[in-house]
């Protein structure tokens, strides 16, 4: 019986001696795996161009913008037509005008042309600024949604691809574009 008890004590001592190193090893492995980056399959991306094109707000805002820009362009076109009509009338009446009348009419036409050019430049600048503002608003919406989606689904990083080479290859399973686009449009429509 003494031999059996001695053997059991020996096993117990051996296990006690291994318990501490095994605990330390388990702690070390769990710590390392916690701080190592997650597997590559957990790195995901979205195609920014597809999000911009597929987002319903982009379409709605772009349509409203295009209507407003068309009205502004029509105003400039109308002023140009009026000026051209005045120029044609001047060309017809020119022979019957005195030098003083010719000089006055030429100055008036030049001033009007300059005003139209200044107005046209101001309209172009306004159109560019409004286009940039509208685009930035849409981009902000998309960025906010992607940020919340990433937090909600535990993504540490979501890459944005522009189709210009920043992501050269990615497995289709890592592409969240369709999922993000669907949720983004649902949010936009209040679903």
Protein backbone atom coordinates (compact mmCIF):
# COMPACT_ATOMS: atom_id res chain seq x y z
CA UNK A 1 0.00 0.00 0.00
CA UNK A 2 2.88 2.24 0.68
CA UNK A 3 3.97 1.99 -2.90
CA UNK A 4 0.56 3.03 -4.22
CA UNK A 5 0.41 6.07 -1.92
CA UNK A 6 3.92 7.09 -2.83
CA UNK A 7 3.09 6.84 -6.54
CA UNK A 8 -0.04 8.98 -6.06
CA UNK A 9 1.95 11.57 -4.10
CA UNK A 10 4.51 11.65 -6.87
CA UNK A 11 1.83 12.25 -9.49
CA UNK A 12 0.26 14.95 -7.32
CA UNK A 13 3.60 16.72 -6.82
CA UNK A 14 4.32 16.51 -10.56
CA UNK A 15 0.92 18.02 -11.38
CA UNK A 16 1.43 20.78 -8.79
CA UNK A 17 4.80 21.57 -10.31
CA UNK A 18 3.22 21.75 -13.81
CA UNK A 19 0.18 23.78 -12.73
CA UNK A 20 2.00 27.08 -12.33
CA UNK A 21 3.92 26.91 -15.63
CA UNK A 22 0.75 25.79 -17.45
CA UNK A 23 -1.24 28.65 -15.91
CA UNK A 24 1.45 31.14 -16.92
CA UNK A 25 1.58 29.66 -20.43
CA UNK A 26 -2.23 29.85 -20.77
CA UNK A 27 -2.21 33.45 -19.57
CA UNK A 28 0.59 34.31 -21.98
CA UNK A 29 -1.18 32.69 -24.95
CA UNK A 30 -4.48 34.43 -24.18
CA UNK A 31 -2.71 37.79 -23.79
CA UNK A 32 -0.84 37.40 -27.08
CA UNK A 33 -3.96 36.37 -29.01
CA UNK A 34 -5.85 39.31 -27.54
CA UNK A 35 -3.29 41.82 -28.78
CA UNK A 36 -2.50 40.23 -32.13
CA UNK A 37 -4.46 41.61 -35.06
CA UNK A 38 -7.49 39.63 -36.00
CA UNK A 39 -7.39 37.35 -39.01
CA UNK A 40 -7.34 38.85 -42.48
CA UNK A 41 -10.91 37.74 -43.11
CA UNK A 42 -12.01 40.26 -40.49
CA UNK A 43 -10.56 43.14 -42.49
CA UNK A 44 -13.38 44.52 -44.58
CA UNK A 45 -13.90 47.31 -47.08
CA UNK A 46 -16.53 49.28 -48.95
CA UNK A 47 -16.42 50.64 -52.49
CA UNK A 48 -16.88 54.37 -51.91
CA UNK A 49 -17.86 55.11 -55.51
CA UNK A 50 -20.62 52.47 -55.43
CA UNK A 51 -21.88 53.88 -52.13
CA UNK A 52 -22.03 57.40 -53.56
CA UNK A 53 -23.78 56.23 -56.73
CA UNK A 54 -26.17 53.84 -55.00
CA UNK A 55 -27.14 56.03 -52.05
CA UNK A 56 -30.67 57.34 -52.65
CA UNK A 57 -29.89 60.69 -51.04
CA UNK A 58 -27.17 61.24 -53.64
CA UNK A 59 -29.74 60.76 -56.40
CA UNK A 60 -32.34 63.01 -54.77
CA UNK A 61 -29.86 65.78 -53.92
CA UNK A 62 -28.20 65.55 -57.36
CA UNK A 63 -31.56 65.89 -59.11
CA UNK A 64 -32.49 68.96 -57.03
CA UNK A 65 -29.04 70.43 -57.62
CA UNK A 66 -29.26 69.86 -61.39
CA UNK A 67 -32.65 71.61 -61.53
CA UNK A 68 -31.30 74.60 -59.60
CA UNK A 69 -28.15 74.74 -61.77
CA UNK A 70 -30.29 74.59 -64.93
CA UNK A 71 -32.35 77.58 -63.74
CA UNK A 72 -29.17 79.57 -63.03
CA UNK A 73 -27.73 78.65 -66.43
CA UNK A 74 -31.02 79.61 -68.11
CA UNK A 75 -30.81 83.05 -66.47
CA UNK A 76 -27.32 83.56 -67.88
CA UNK A 77 -28.42 82.28 -71.31
CA UNK A 78 -31.37 84.68 -71.29
CA UNK A 79 -29.09 87.64 -70.52
CA UNK A 80 -26.72 86.56 -73.30
CA UNK A 81 -29.57 86.33 -75.81
CA UNK A 82 -30.78 89.81 -74.84
CA UNK A 83 -27.25 91.18 -75.26
CA UNK A 84 -26.85 89.48 -78.66
CA UNK A 85 -30.18 90.94 -79.78
CA UNK A 86 -29.00 94.41 -78.72
CA UNK A 87 -25.74 93.84 -80.62
CA UNK A 88 -27.65 92.86 -83.79
CA UNK A 89 -29.87 95.94 -83.47
CA UNK A 90 -26.75 98.09 -83.02
CA UNK A 91 -25.19 96.56 -86.16
CA UNK A 92 -28.32 97.43 -88.16
CA UNK A 93 -28.67 100.99 -86.81
CA UNK A 94 -24.98 101.78 -86.75
CA UNK A 95 -24.89 103.47 -90.13
CA UNK A 96 -27.50 106.02 -89.08
CA UNK A 97 -25.87 106.94 -85.73
CA UNK A 98 -23.67 109.89 -84.96
CA UNK A 99 -20.15 109.35 -83.63
CA UNK A 100 -21.32 110.26 -80.15
CA UNK A 101 -24.24 107.82 -80.31
CA UNK A 102 -21.93 105.08 -81.65
CA UNK A 103 -19.43 105.60 -78.84
CA UNK A 104 -22.19 105.62 -76.20
CA UNK A 105 -23.88 102.49 -77.60
CA UNK A 106 -20.52 100.64 -77.84
CA UNK A 107 -19.71 101.56 -74.25
CA UNK A 108 -23.16 100.40 -73.10
CA UNK A 109 -22.79 97.08 -74.97
CA UNK A 110 -19.28 96.52 -73.54
CA UNK A 111 -20.47 97.30 -70.00
CA UNK A 112 -23.43 94.97 -70.39
CA UNK A 113 -21.18 92.21 -71.75
CA UNK A 114 -18.80 92.66 -68.79
CA UNK A 115 -21.71 92.51 -66.33
CA UNK A 116 -22.98 89.33 -67.96
CA UNK A 117 -19.49 87.79 -67.81
CA UNK A 118 -19.15 88.73 -64.12
CA UNK A 119 -22.61 87.32 -63.41
CA UNK A 120 -21.77 84.12 -65.29
CA UNK A 121 -18.54 83.68 -63.28
CA UNK A 122 -20.41 84.28 -60.03
CA UNK A 123 -23.04 81.70 -61.02
CA UNK A 124 -20.35 79.16 -61.94
CA UNK A 125 -18.66 79.71 -58.60
CA UNK A 126 -21.97 79.36 -56.75
CA UNK A 127 -22.76 76.15 -58.66
CA UNK A 128 -19.34 74.68 -57.79
CA UNK A 129 -19.71 75.61 -54.11
CA UNK A 130 -23.20 74.15 -53.88
CA UNK A 131 -22.06 70.98 -55.65
CA UNK A 132 -19.17 70.59 -53.19
CA UNK A 133 -21.46 71.28 -50.22
CA UNK A 134 -24.04 68.75 -51.44
CA UNK A 135 -21.36 66.12 -52.08
CA UNK A 136 -19.77 66.70 -48.68
CA UNK A 137 -23.14 66.33 -46.95
CA UNK A 138 -23.68 62.98 -48.67
CA UNK A 139 -20.13 61.84 -47.82
CA UNK A 140 -20.66 62.84 -44.18
CA UNK A 141 -23.86 60.75 -44.09
CA UNK A 142 -22.03 57.76 -45.52
CA UNK A 143 -19.05 58.14 -43.17
CA UNK A 144 -21.32 58.45 -40.12
CA UNK A 145 -23.29 55.37 -41.10
CA UNK A 146 -20.16 53.29 -41.81
CA UNK A 147 -18.68 54.35 -38.47
CA UNK A 148 -21.81 53.29 -36.57
CA UNK A 149 -22.05 50.07 -38.58
CA UNK A 150 -18.44 49.24 -37.77
CA UNK A 151 -18.96 49.85 -34.06
CA UNK A 152 -22.18 47.86 -33.99
CA UNK A 153 -20.69 44.86 -35.81
CA UNK A 154 -17.33 44.87 -34.00
CA UNK A 155 -15.14 45.83 -36.96
CA UNK A 156 -11.82 47.30 -35.92
CA UNK A 157 -11.30 48.87 -39.33
CA UNK A 158 -13.31 49.32 -42.52
CA UNK A 159 -11.29 50.32 -45.56
CA UNK A 160 -12.71 52.57 -48.26
CA UNK A 161 -11.79 51.68 -51.84
CA UNK A 162 -12.06 54.30 -54.57
CA UNK A 163 -11.20 52.06 -57.50
CA UNK A 164 -7.90 53.88 -57.90
CA UNK A 165 -5.63 51.18 -56.55
CA UNK A 166 -5.74 51.67 -52.79
CA UNK A 167 -7.09 48.11 -52.46
CA UNK A 168 -5.61 46.00 -55.21
CA UNK A 169 -7.33 42.74 -54.24
CA UNK A 170 -9.93 41.71 -51.71
CA UNK A 171 -12.03 38.60 -51.36
CA UNK A 172 -15.68 39.29 -52.24
CA UNK A 173 -16.66 38.14 -48.73
CA UNK A 174 -14.83 41.15 -47.27
CA UNK A 175 -16.84 43.63 -49.38
CA UNK A 176 -19.51 45.26 -47.21
CA UNK A 177 -20.65 47.71 -49.89
CA UNK A 178 -24.04 46.11 -50.62
CA UNK A 179 -24.83 45.58 -46.93
CA UNK A 180 -23.80 49.15 -46.04
CA UNK A 181 -25.71 50.57 -49.01
CA UNK A 182 -28.89 48.73 -48.06
CA UNK A 183 -28.71 49.92 -44.44
CA UNK A 184 -27.78 53.46 -45.49
CA UNK A 185 -30.79 53.71 -47.80
CA UNK A 186 -33.08 52.23 -45.15
CA UNK A 187 -31.85 54.84 -42.69
CA UNK A 188 -32.34 57.61 -45.25
CA UNK A 189 -35.94 56.50 -45.88
CA UNK A 190 -36.59 56.18 -42.15
CA UNK A 191 -37.11 52.43 -42.08
